């Protein structure tokens, strides 16, 4: 179960109090970057094409193409 919380570095957040006892990994979440105008337009174009009945890419093809972008 994932929880996102804001922490002041001092007090225990309510999101942590509600978790059951156990071991947890806590990792900072970097803010999501906004899409560029070209990226946003490309997504809108792709959605429109799929909605119009055009064949889109398979899920495996999409995963393969974005995997390098997700690695840090």
PDB file of N, CA and C in Angstrom:
ATOM      1  N   UNK A   1       0.856  -1.176   0.000  1.00  0.00           N
ATOM      2  CA  UNK A   1       0.000   0.000   0.000  1.00  0.00           C
ATOM      3  C   UNK A   1       0.900   1.237   0.000  1.00  0.00           C
ATOM      4  N   UNK A   2       0.725   2.085  -0.970  1.00  0.00           N
ATOM      5  CA  UNK A   2       1.514   3.305  -1.060  1.00  0.00           C
ATOM      6  C   UNK A   2       0.780   4.444  -0.375  1.00  0.00           C
ATOM      7  N   UNK A   3       1.526   5.280   0.270  1.00  0.00           N
ATOM      8  CA  UNK A   3       0.985   6.495   0.891  1.00  0.00           C
ATOM      9  C   UNK A   3       1.904   7.644   0.516  1.00  0.00           C
ATOM     10  N   UNK A   4       1.328   8.763   0.170  1.00  0.00           N
ATOM     11  CA  UNK A   4       2.110   9.971  -0.077  1.00  0.00           C
ATOM     12  C   UNK A   4       1.827  10.913   1.068  1.00  0.00           C
ATOM     13  N   UNK A   5       2.885  11.477   1.642  1.00  0.00           N
ATOM     14  CA  UNK A   5       2.706  12.353   2.794  1.00  0.00           C
ATOM     15  C   UNK A   5       3.633  13.551   2.677  1.00  0.00           C
ATOM     16  N   UNK A   6       3.249  14.605   3.322  1.00  0.00           N
ATOM     17  CA  UNK A   6       4.115  15.765   3.479  1.00  0.00           C
ATOM     18  C   UNK A   6       4.650  15.703   4.901  1.00  0.00           C
ATOM     19  N   UNK A   7       5.948  15.871   5.056  1.00  0.00           N
ATOM     20  CA  UNK A   7       6.565  15.740   6.371  1.00  0.00           C
ATOM     21  C   UNK A   7       7.389  16.977   6.679  1.00  0.00           C
ATOM     22  N   UNK A   8       7.239  17.503   7.883  1.00  0.00           N
ATOM     23  CA  UNK A   8       7.994  18.685   8.304  1.00  0.00           C
ATOM     24  C   UNK A   8       9.365  18.328   8.872  1.00  0.00           C
ATOM     25  N   UNK A   9       9.674  17.039   8.943  1.00  0.00           N
ATOM     26  CA  UNK A   9      10.964  16.603   9.459  1.00  0.00           C
ATOM     27  C   UNK A   9      11.002  16.450  10.959  1.00  0.00           C
ATOM     28  N   UNK A  10       9.871  16.693  11.620  1.00  0.00           N
ATOM     29  CA  UNK A  10       9.853  16.647  13.084  1.00  0.00           C
ATOM     30  C   UNK A  10       8.755  15.726  13.612  1.00  0.00           C
ATOM     31  N   UNK A  11       7.512  16.045  13.308  1.00  0.00           N
ATOM     32  CA  UNK A  11       6.404  15.284  13.880  1.00  0.00           C
ATOM     33  C   UNK A  11       6.033  14.114  12.980  1.00  0.00           C
ATOM     34  N   UNK A  12       5.460  13.070  13.571  1.00  0.00           N
ATOM     35  CA  UNK A  12       5.050  11.900  12.809  1.00  0.00           C
ATOM     36  C   UNK A  12       3.744  12.205  12.079  1.00  0.00           C
ATOM     37  N   UNK A  13       3.724  12.093  10.755  1.00  0.00           N
ATOM     38  CA  UNK A  13       2.511  12.402   9.988  1.00  0.00           C
ATOM     39  C   UNK A  13       1.389  11.399  10.269  1.00  0.00           C
ATOM     40  N   UNK A  14       0.146  11.851  10.135  1.00  0.00           N
ATOM     41  CA  UNK A  14      -1.014  10.981  10.331  1.00  0.00           C
ATOM     42  C   UNK A  14      -0.973   9.790   9.388  1.00  0.00           C
ATOM     43  N   UNK A  15      -0.452   9.979   8.161  1.00  0.00           N
ATOM     44  CA  UNK A  15      -0.372   8.883   7.202  1.00  0.00           C
ATOM     45  C   UNK A  15       0.460   7.728   7.748  1.00  0.00           C
ATOM     46  N   UNK A  16       1.464   8.040   8.571  1.00  0.00           N
ATOM     47  CA  UNK A  16       2.303   6.996   9.166  1.00  0.00           C
ATOM     48  C   UNK A  16       1.600   6.346  10.360  1.00  0.00           C
ATOM     49  N   UNK A  17       0.855   7.110  11.117  1.00  0.00           N
ATOM     50  CA  UNK A  17       0.174   6.575  12.301  1.00  0.00           C
ATOM     51  C   UNK A  17      -0.852   5.513  11.937  1.00  0.00           C
ATOM     52  N   UNK A  18      -1.442   5.620  10.758  1.00  0.00           N
ATOM     53  CA  UNK A  18      -2.503   4.690  10.372  1.00  0.00           C
ATOM     54  C   UNK A  18      -1.971   3.383   9.786  1.00  0.00           C
ATOM     55  N   UNK A  19      -0.668   3.271   9.575  1.00  0.00           N
ATOM     56  CA  UNK A  19      -0.099   2.047   9.016  1.00  0.00           C
ATOM     57  C   UNK A  19       0.061   0.984  10.095  1.00  0.00           C
ATOM     58  N   UNK A  20      -0.120  -0.285   9.731  1.00  0.00           N
ATOM     59  CA  UNK A  20       0.094  -1.353  10.703  1.00  0.00           C
ATOM     60  C   UNK A  20       1.587  -1.515  10.998  1.00  0.00           C
ATOM     61  N   UNK A  21       1.932  -2.134  12.126  1.00  0.00           N
ATOM     62  CA  UNK A  21       3.345  -2.369  12.417  1.00  0.00           C
ATOM     63  C   UNK A  21       3.988  -3.180  11.295  1.00  0.00           C
ATOM     64  N   UNK A  22       5.236  -2.926  11.029  1.00  0.00           N
ATOM     65  CA  UNK A  22       5.952  -3.652   9.981  1.00  0.00           C
ATOM     66  C   UNK A  22       7.147  -2.866   9.508  1.00  0.00           C
ATOM     67  N   UNK A  23       7.790  -3.371   8.482  1.00  0.00           N
ATOM     68  CA  UNK A  23       8.958  -2.709   7.893  1.00  0.00           C
ATOM     69  C   UNK A  23       8.500  -1.942   6.665  1.00  0.00           C
ATOM     70  N   UNK A  24       8.989  -0.734   6.515  1.00  0.00           N
ATOM     71  CA  UNK A  24       8.589   0.123   5.403  1.00  0.00           C
ATOM     72  C   UNK A  24       9.814   0.770   4.773  1.00  0.00           C
ATOM     73  N   UNK A  25       9.695   1.060   3.501  1.00  0.00           N
ATOM     74  CA  UNK A  25      10.706   1.830   2.785  1.00  0.00           C
ATOM     75  C   UNK A  25      10.107   3.200   2.541  1.00  0.00           C
ATOM     76  N   UNK A  26      10.812   4.232   2.951  1.00  0.00           N
ATOM     77  CA  UNK A  26      10.339   5.601   2.743  1.00  0.00           C
ATOM     78  C   UNK A  26      11.270   6.247   1.730  1.00  0.00           C
ATOM     79  N   UNK A  27      10.684   6.837   0.717  1.00  0.00           N
ATOM     80  CA  UNK A  27      11.457   7.417  -0.374  1.00  0.00           C
ATOM     81  C   UNK A  27      10.861   8.766  -0.744  1.00  0.00           C
ATOM     82  N   UNK A  28      11.694   9.754  -0.946  1.00  0.00           N
ATOM     83  CA  UNK A  28      11.213  11.075  -1.342  1.00  0.00           C
ATOM     84  C   UNK A  28      10.610  11.007  -2.744  1.00  0.00           C
ATOM     85  N   UNK A  29       9.523  11.711  -2.947  1.00  0.00           N
ATOM     86  CA  UNK A  29       8.868  11.789  -4.246  1.00  0.00           C
ATOM     87  C   UNK A  29       9.223  13.121  -4.876  1.00  0.00           C
ATOM     88  N   UNK A  30       9.853  13.034  -6.048  1.00  0.00           N
ATOM     89  CA  UNK A  30      10.190  14.282  -6.722  1.00  0.00           C
ATOM     90  C   UNK A  30       8.950  14.803  -7.432  1.00  0.00           C
ATOM     91  N   UNK A  31       8.814  16.108  -7.498  1.00  0.00           N
ATOM     92  CA  UNK A  31       7.634  16.664  -8.165  1.00  0.00           C
ATOM     93  C   UNK A  31       7.602  16.253  -9.634  1.00  0.00           C
ATOM     94  N   UNK A  32       6.423  15.950 -10.120  1.00  0.00           N
ATOM     95  CA  UNK A  32       6.272  15.576 -11.524  1.00  0.00           C
ATOM     96  C   UNK A  32       6.503  16.801 -12.399  1.00  0.00           C
ATOM     97  N   UNK A  33       7.211  16.590 -13.471  1.00  0.00           N
ATOM     98  CA  UNK A  33       7.429  17.712 -14.382  1.00  0.00           C
ATOM     99  C   UNK A  33       6.243  17.809 -15.337  1.00  0.00           C
ATOM    100  N   UNK A  34       5.915  19.004 -15.699  1.00  0.00           N
ATOM    101  CA  UNK A  34       4.798  19.235 -16.615  1.00  0.00           C
ATOM    102  C   UNK A  34       5.205  18.820 -18.019  1.00  0.00           C
ATOM    103  N   UNK A  35       4.217  18.397 -18.790  1.00  0.00           N
ATOM    104  CA  UNK A  35       4.487  18.063 -20.184  1.00  0.00           C
ATOM    105  C   UNK A  35       4.754  19.334 -20.976  1.00  0.00           C
ATOM    106  N   UNK A  36       5.591  19.192 -21.997  1.00  0.00           N
ATOM    107  CA  UNK A  36       5.784  20.322 -22.910  1.00  0.00           C
ATOM    108  C   UNK A  36       4.536  20.426 -23.780  1.00  0.00           C
ATOM    109  N   UNK A  37       4.394  21.531 -24.467  1.00  0.00           N
ATOM    110  CA  UNK A  37       3.250  21.718 -25.358  1.00  0.00           C
ATOM    111  C   UNK A  37       3.244  20.650 -26.451  1.00  0.00           C
ATOM    112  N   UNK A  38       4.415  20.292 -26.968  1.00  0.00           N
ATOM    113  CA  UNK A  38       4.508  19.256 -28.008  1.00  0.00           C
ATOM    114  C   UNK A  38       4.111  17.887 -27.460  1.00  0.00           C
ATOM    115  N   UNK A  39       4.551  17.557 -26.241  1.00  0.00           N
ATOM    116  CA  UNK A  39       4.187  16.277 -25.633  1.00  0.00           C
ATOM    117  C   UNK A  39       2.679  16.197 -25.396  1.00  0.00           C
ATOM    118  N   UNK A  40       2.108  17.272 -24.890  1.00  0.00           N
ATOM    119  CA  UNK A  40       0.670  17.313 -24.634  1.00  0.00           C
ATOM    120  C   UNK A  40      -0.111  17.160 -25.941  1.00  0.00           C
ATOM    121  N   UNK A  41       0.319  17.868 -26.989  1.00  0.00           N
ATOM    122  CA  UNK A  41      -0.348  17.776 -28.292  1.00  0.00           C
ATOM    123  C   UNK A  41      -0.220  16.371 -28.862  1.00  0.00           C
ATOM    124  N   UNK A  42       0.932  15.749 -28.672  1.00  0.00           N
ATOM    125  CA  UNK A  42       1.132  14.390 -29.161  1.00  0.00           C
ATOM    126  C   UNK A  42       0.213  13.395 -28.478  1.00  0.00           C
ATOM    127  N   UNK A  43       0.042  13.551 -27.167  1.00  0.00           N
ATOM    128  CA  UNK A  43      -0.879  12.672 -26.442  1.00  0.00           C
ATOM    129  C   UNK A  43      -2.317  12.878 -26.901  1.00  0.00           C
ATOM    130  N   UNK A  44      -2.716  14.128 -27.077  1.00  0.00           N
ATOM    131  CA  UNK A  44      -4.075  14.417 -27.549  1.00  0.00           C
ATOM    132  C   UNK A  44      -4.303  13.811 -28.930  1.00  0.00           C
ATOM    133  N   UNK A  45      -3.302  13.918 -29.797  1.00  0.00           N
ATOM    134  CA  UNK A  45      -3.407  13.359 -31.150  1.00  0.00           C
ATOM    135  C   UNK A  45      -3.529  11.831 -31.094  1.00  0.00           C
ATOM    136  N   UNK A  46      -2.730  11.199 -30.237  1.00  0.00           N
ATOM    137  CA  UNK A  46      -2.781   9.744 -30.116  1.00  0.00           C
ATOM    138  C   UNK A  46      -4.122   9.278 -29.554  1.00  0.00           C
ATOM    139  N   UNK A  47      -4.644   9.968 -28.561  1.00  0.00           N
ATOM    140  CA  UNK A  47      -5.946   9.615 -27.983  1.00  0.00           C
ATOM    141  C   UNK A  47      -7.034   9.749 -29.027  1.00  0.00           C
ATOM    142  N   UNK A  48      -6.996  10.833 -29.785  1.00  0.00           N
ATOM    143  CA  UNK A  48      -7.993  11.045 -30.842  1.00  0.00           C
ATOM    144  C   UNK A  48      -7.921   9.941 -31.893  1.00  0.00           C
ATOM    145  N   UNK A  49      -6.716   9.536 -32.267  1.00  0.00           N
ATOM    146  CA  UNK A  49      -6.545   8.496 -33.276  1.00  0.00           C
ATOM    147  C   UNK A  49      -7.106   7.167 -32.791  1.00  0.00           C
ATOM    148  N   UNK A  50      -6.810   6.803 -31.554  1.00  0.00           N
ATOM    149  CA  UNK A  50      -7.319   5.543 -31.007  1.00  0.00           C
ATOM    150  C   UNK A  50      -8.839   5.604 -30.879  1.00  0.00           C
ATOM    151  N   UNK A  51      -9.363   6.746 -30.410  1.00  0.00           N
ATOM    152  CA  UNK A  51     -10.816   6.891 -30.294  1.00  0.00           C
ATOM    153  C   UNK A  51     -11.510   6.830 -31.648  1.00  0.00           C
ATOM    154  N   UNK A  52     -10.808   7.218 -32.707  1.00  0.00           N
ATOM    155  CA  UNK A  52     -11.373   7.184 -34.053  1.00  0.00           C
ATOM    156  C   UNK A  52     -11.277   5.793 -34.668  1.00  0.00           C
ATOM    157  N   UNK A  53     -10.706   4.849 -33.942  1.00  0.00           N
ATOM    158  CA  UNK A  53     -10.634   3.479 -34.428  1.00  0.00           C
ATOM    159  C   UNK A  53      -9.311   3.090 -35.041  1.00  0.00           C
ATOM    160  N   UNK A  54      -8.369   3.996 -35.078  1.00  0.00           N
ATOM    161  CA  UNK A  54      -7.057   3.646 -35.620  1.00  0.00           C
ATOM    162  C   UNK A  54      -6.347   2.724 -34.630  1.00  0.00           C
ATOM    163  N   UNK A  55      -5.568   1.806 -35.167  1.00  0.00           N
ATOM    164  CA  UNK A  55      -4.854   0.867 -34.316  1.00  0.00           C
ATOM    165  C   UNK A  55      -3.710   1.590 -33.631  1.00  0.00           C
ATOM    166  N   UNK A  56      -3.640   1.450 -32.319  1.00  0.00           N
ATOM    167  CA  UNK A  56      -2.559   2.058 -31.553  1.00  0.00           C
ATOM    168  C   UNK A  56      -1.446   1.042 -31.316  1.00  0.00           C
ATOM    169  N   UNK A  57      -0.456   1.437 -30.558  1.00  0.00           N
ATOM    170  CA  UNK A  57       0.643   0.548 -30.201  1.00  0.00           C
ATOM    171  C   UNK A  57       0.175  -0.442 -29.139  1.00  0.00           C
ATOM    172  N   UNK A  58       0.815  -1.598 -29.104  1.00  0.00           N
ATOM    173  CA  UNK A  58       0.507  -2.564 -28.054  1.00  0.00           C
ATOM    174  C   UNK A  58       1.086  -2.066 -26.733  1.00  0.00           C
ATOM    175  N   UNK A  59       0.545  -2.563 -25.649  1.00  0.00           N
ATOM    176  CA  UNK A  59       1.041  -2.188 -24.326  1.00  0.00           C
ATOM    177  C   UNK A  59       2.515  -2.534 -24.178  1.00  0.00           C
ATOM    178  N   UNK A  60       2.916  -3.699 -24.687  1.00  0.00           N
ATOM    179  CA  UNK A  60       4.328  -4.101 -24.610  1.00  0.00           C
ATOM    180  C   UNK A  60       5.231  -3.135 -25.368  1.00  0.00           C
ATOM    181  N   UNK A  61       4.778  -2.678 -26.548  1.00  0.00           N
ATOM    182  CA  UNK A  61       5.572  -1.717 -27.319  1.00  0.00           C
ATOM    183  C   UNK A  61       5.716  -0.394 -26.571  1.00  0.00           C
ATOM    184  N   UNK A  62       4.641   0.055 -25.961  1.00  0.00           N
ATOM    185  CA  UNK A  62       4.687   1.317 -25.204  1.00  0.00           C
ATOM    186  C   UNK A  62       5.627   1.169 -24.019  1.00  0.00           C
ATOM    187  N   UNK A  63       5.492   0.079 -23.282  1.00  0.00           N
ATOM    188  CA  UNK A  63       6.376  -0.143 -22.125  1.00  0.00           C
ATOM    189  C   UNK A  63       7.838  -0.162 -22.541  1.00  0.00           C
ATOM    190  N   UNK A  64       8.134  -0.841 -23.644  1.00  0.00           N
ATOM    191  CA  UNK A  64       9.507  -0.927 -24.121  1.00  0.00           C
ATOM    192  C   UNK A  64      10.058   0.448 -24.506  1.00  0.00           C
ATOM    193  N   UNK A  65       9.215   1.281 -25.096  1.00  0.00           N
ATOM    194  CA  UNK A  65       9.700   2.592 -25.534  1.00  0.00           C
ATOM    195  C   UNK A  65       9.875   3.581 -24.387  1.00  0.00           C
ATOM    196  N   UNK A  66       9.090   3.430 -23.301  1.00  0.00           N
ATOM    197  CA  UNK A  66       9.231   4.391 -22.198  1.00  0.00           C
ATOM    198  C   UNK A  66      10.128   3.881 -21.069  1.00  0.00           C
ATOM    199  N   UNK A  67      10.449   2.591 -21.088  1.00  0.00           N
ATOM    200  CA  UNK A  67      11.280   2.035 -20.000  1.00  0.00           C
ATOM    201  C   UNK A  67      12.574   2.841 -19.793  1.00  0.00           C
ATOM    202  N   UNK A  68      13.330   3.175 -20.854  1.00  0.00           N
ATOM    203  CA  UNK A  68      14.568   3.945 -20.631  1.00  0.00           C
ATOM    204  C   UNK A  68      14.296   5.326 -20.008  1.00  0.00           C
ATOM    205  N   UNK A  69      13.138   5.902 -20.288  1.00  0.00           N
ATOM    206  CA  UNK A  69      12.823   7.223 -19.744  1.00  0.00           C
ATOM    207  C   UNK A  69      12.527   7.166 -18.259  1.00  0.00           C
ATOM    208  N   UNK A  70      12.071   6.011 -17.779  1.00  0.00           N
ATOM    209  CA  UNK A  70      11.693   5.871 -16.377  1.00  0.00           C
ATOM    210  C   UNK A  70      12.866   5.512 -15.480  1.00  0.00           C
ATOM    211  N   UNK A  71      13.944   5.006 -16.049  1.00  0.00           N
ATOM    212  CA  UNK A  71      15.112   4.645 -15.236  1.00  0.00           C
ATOM    213  C   UNK A  71      15.796   5.893 -14.752  1.00  0.00           C
ATOM    214  N   UNK A  72      16.242   5.825 -13.505  1.00  0.00           N
ATOM    215  CA  UNK A  72      16.923   6.994 -12.916  1.00  0.00           C
ATOM    216  C   UNK A  72      18.358   6.682 -12.654  1.00  0.00           C
TER     217      UNK A  72
END
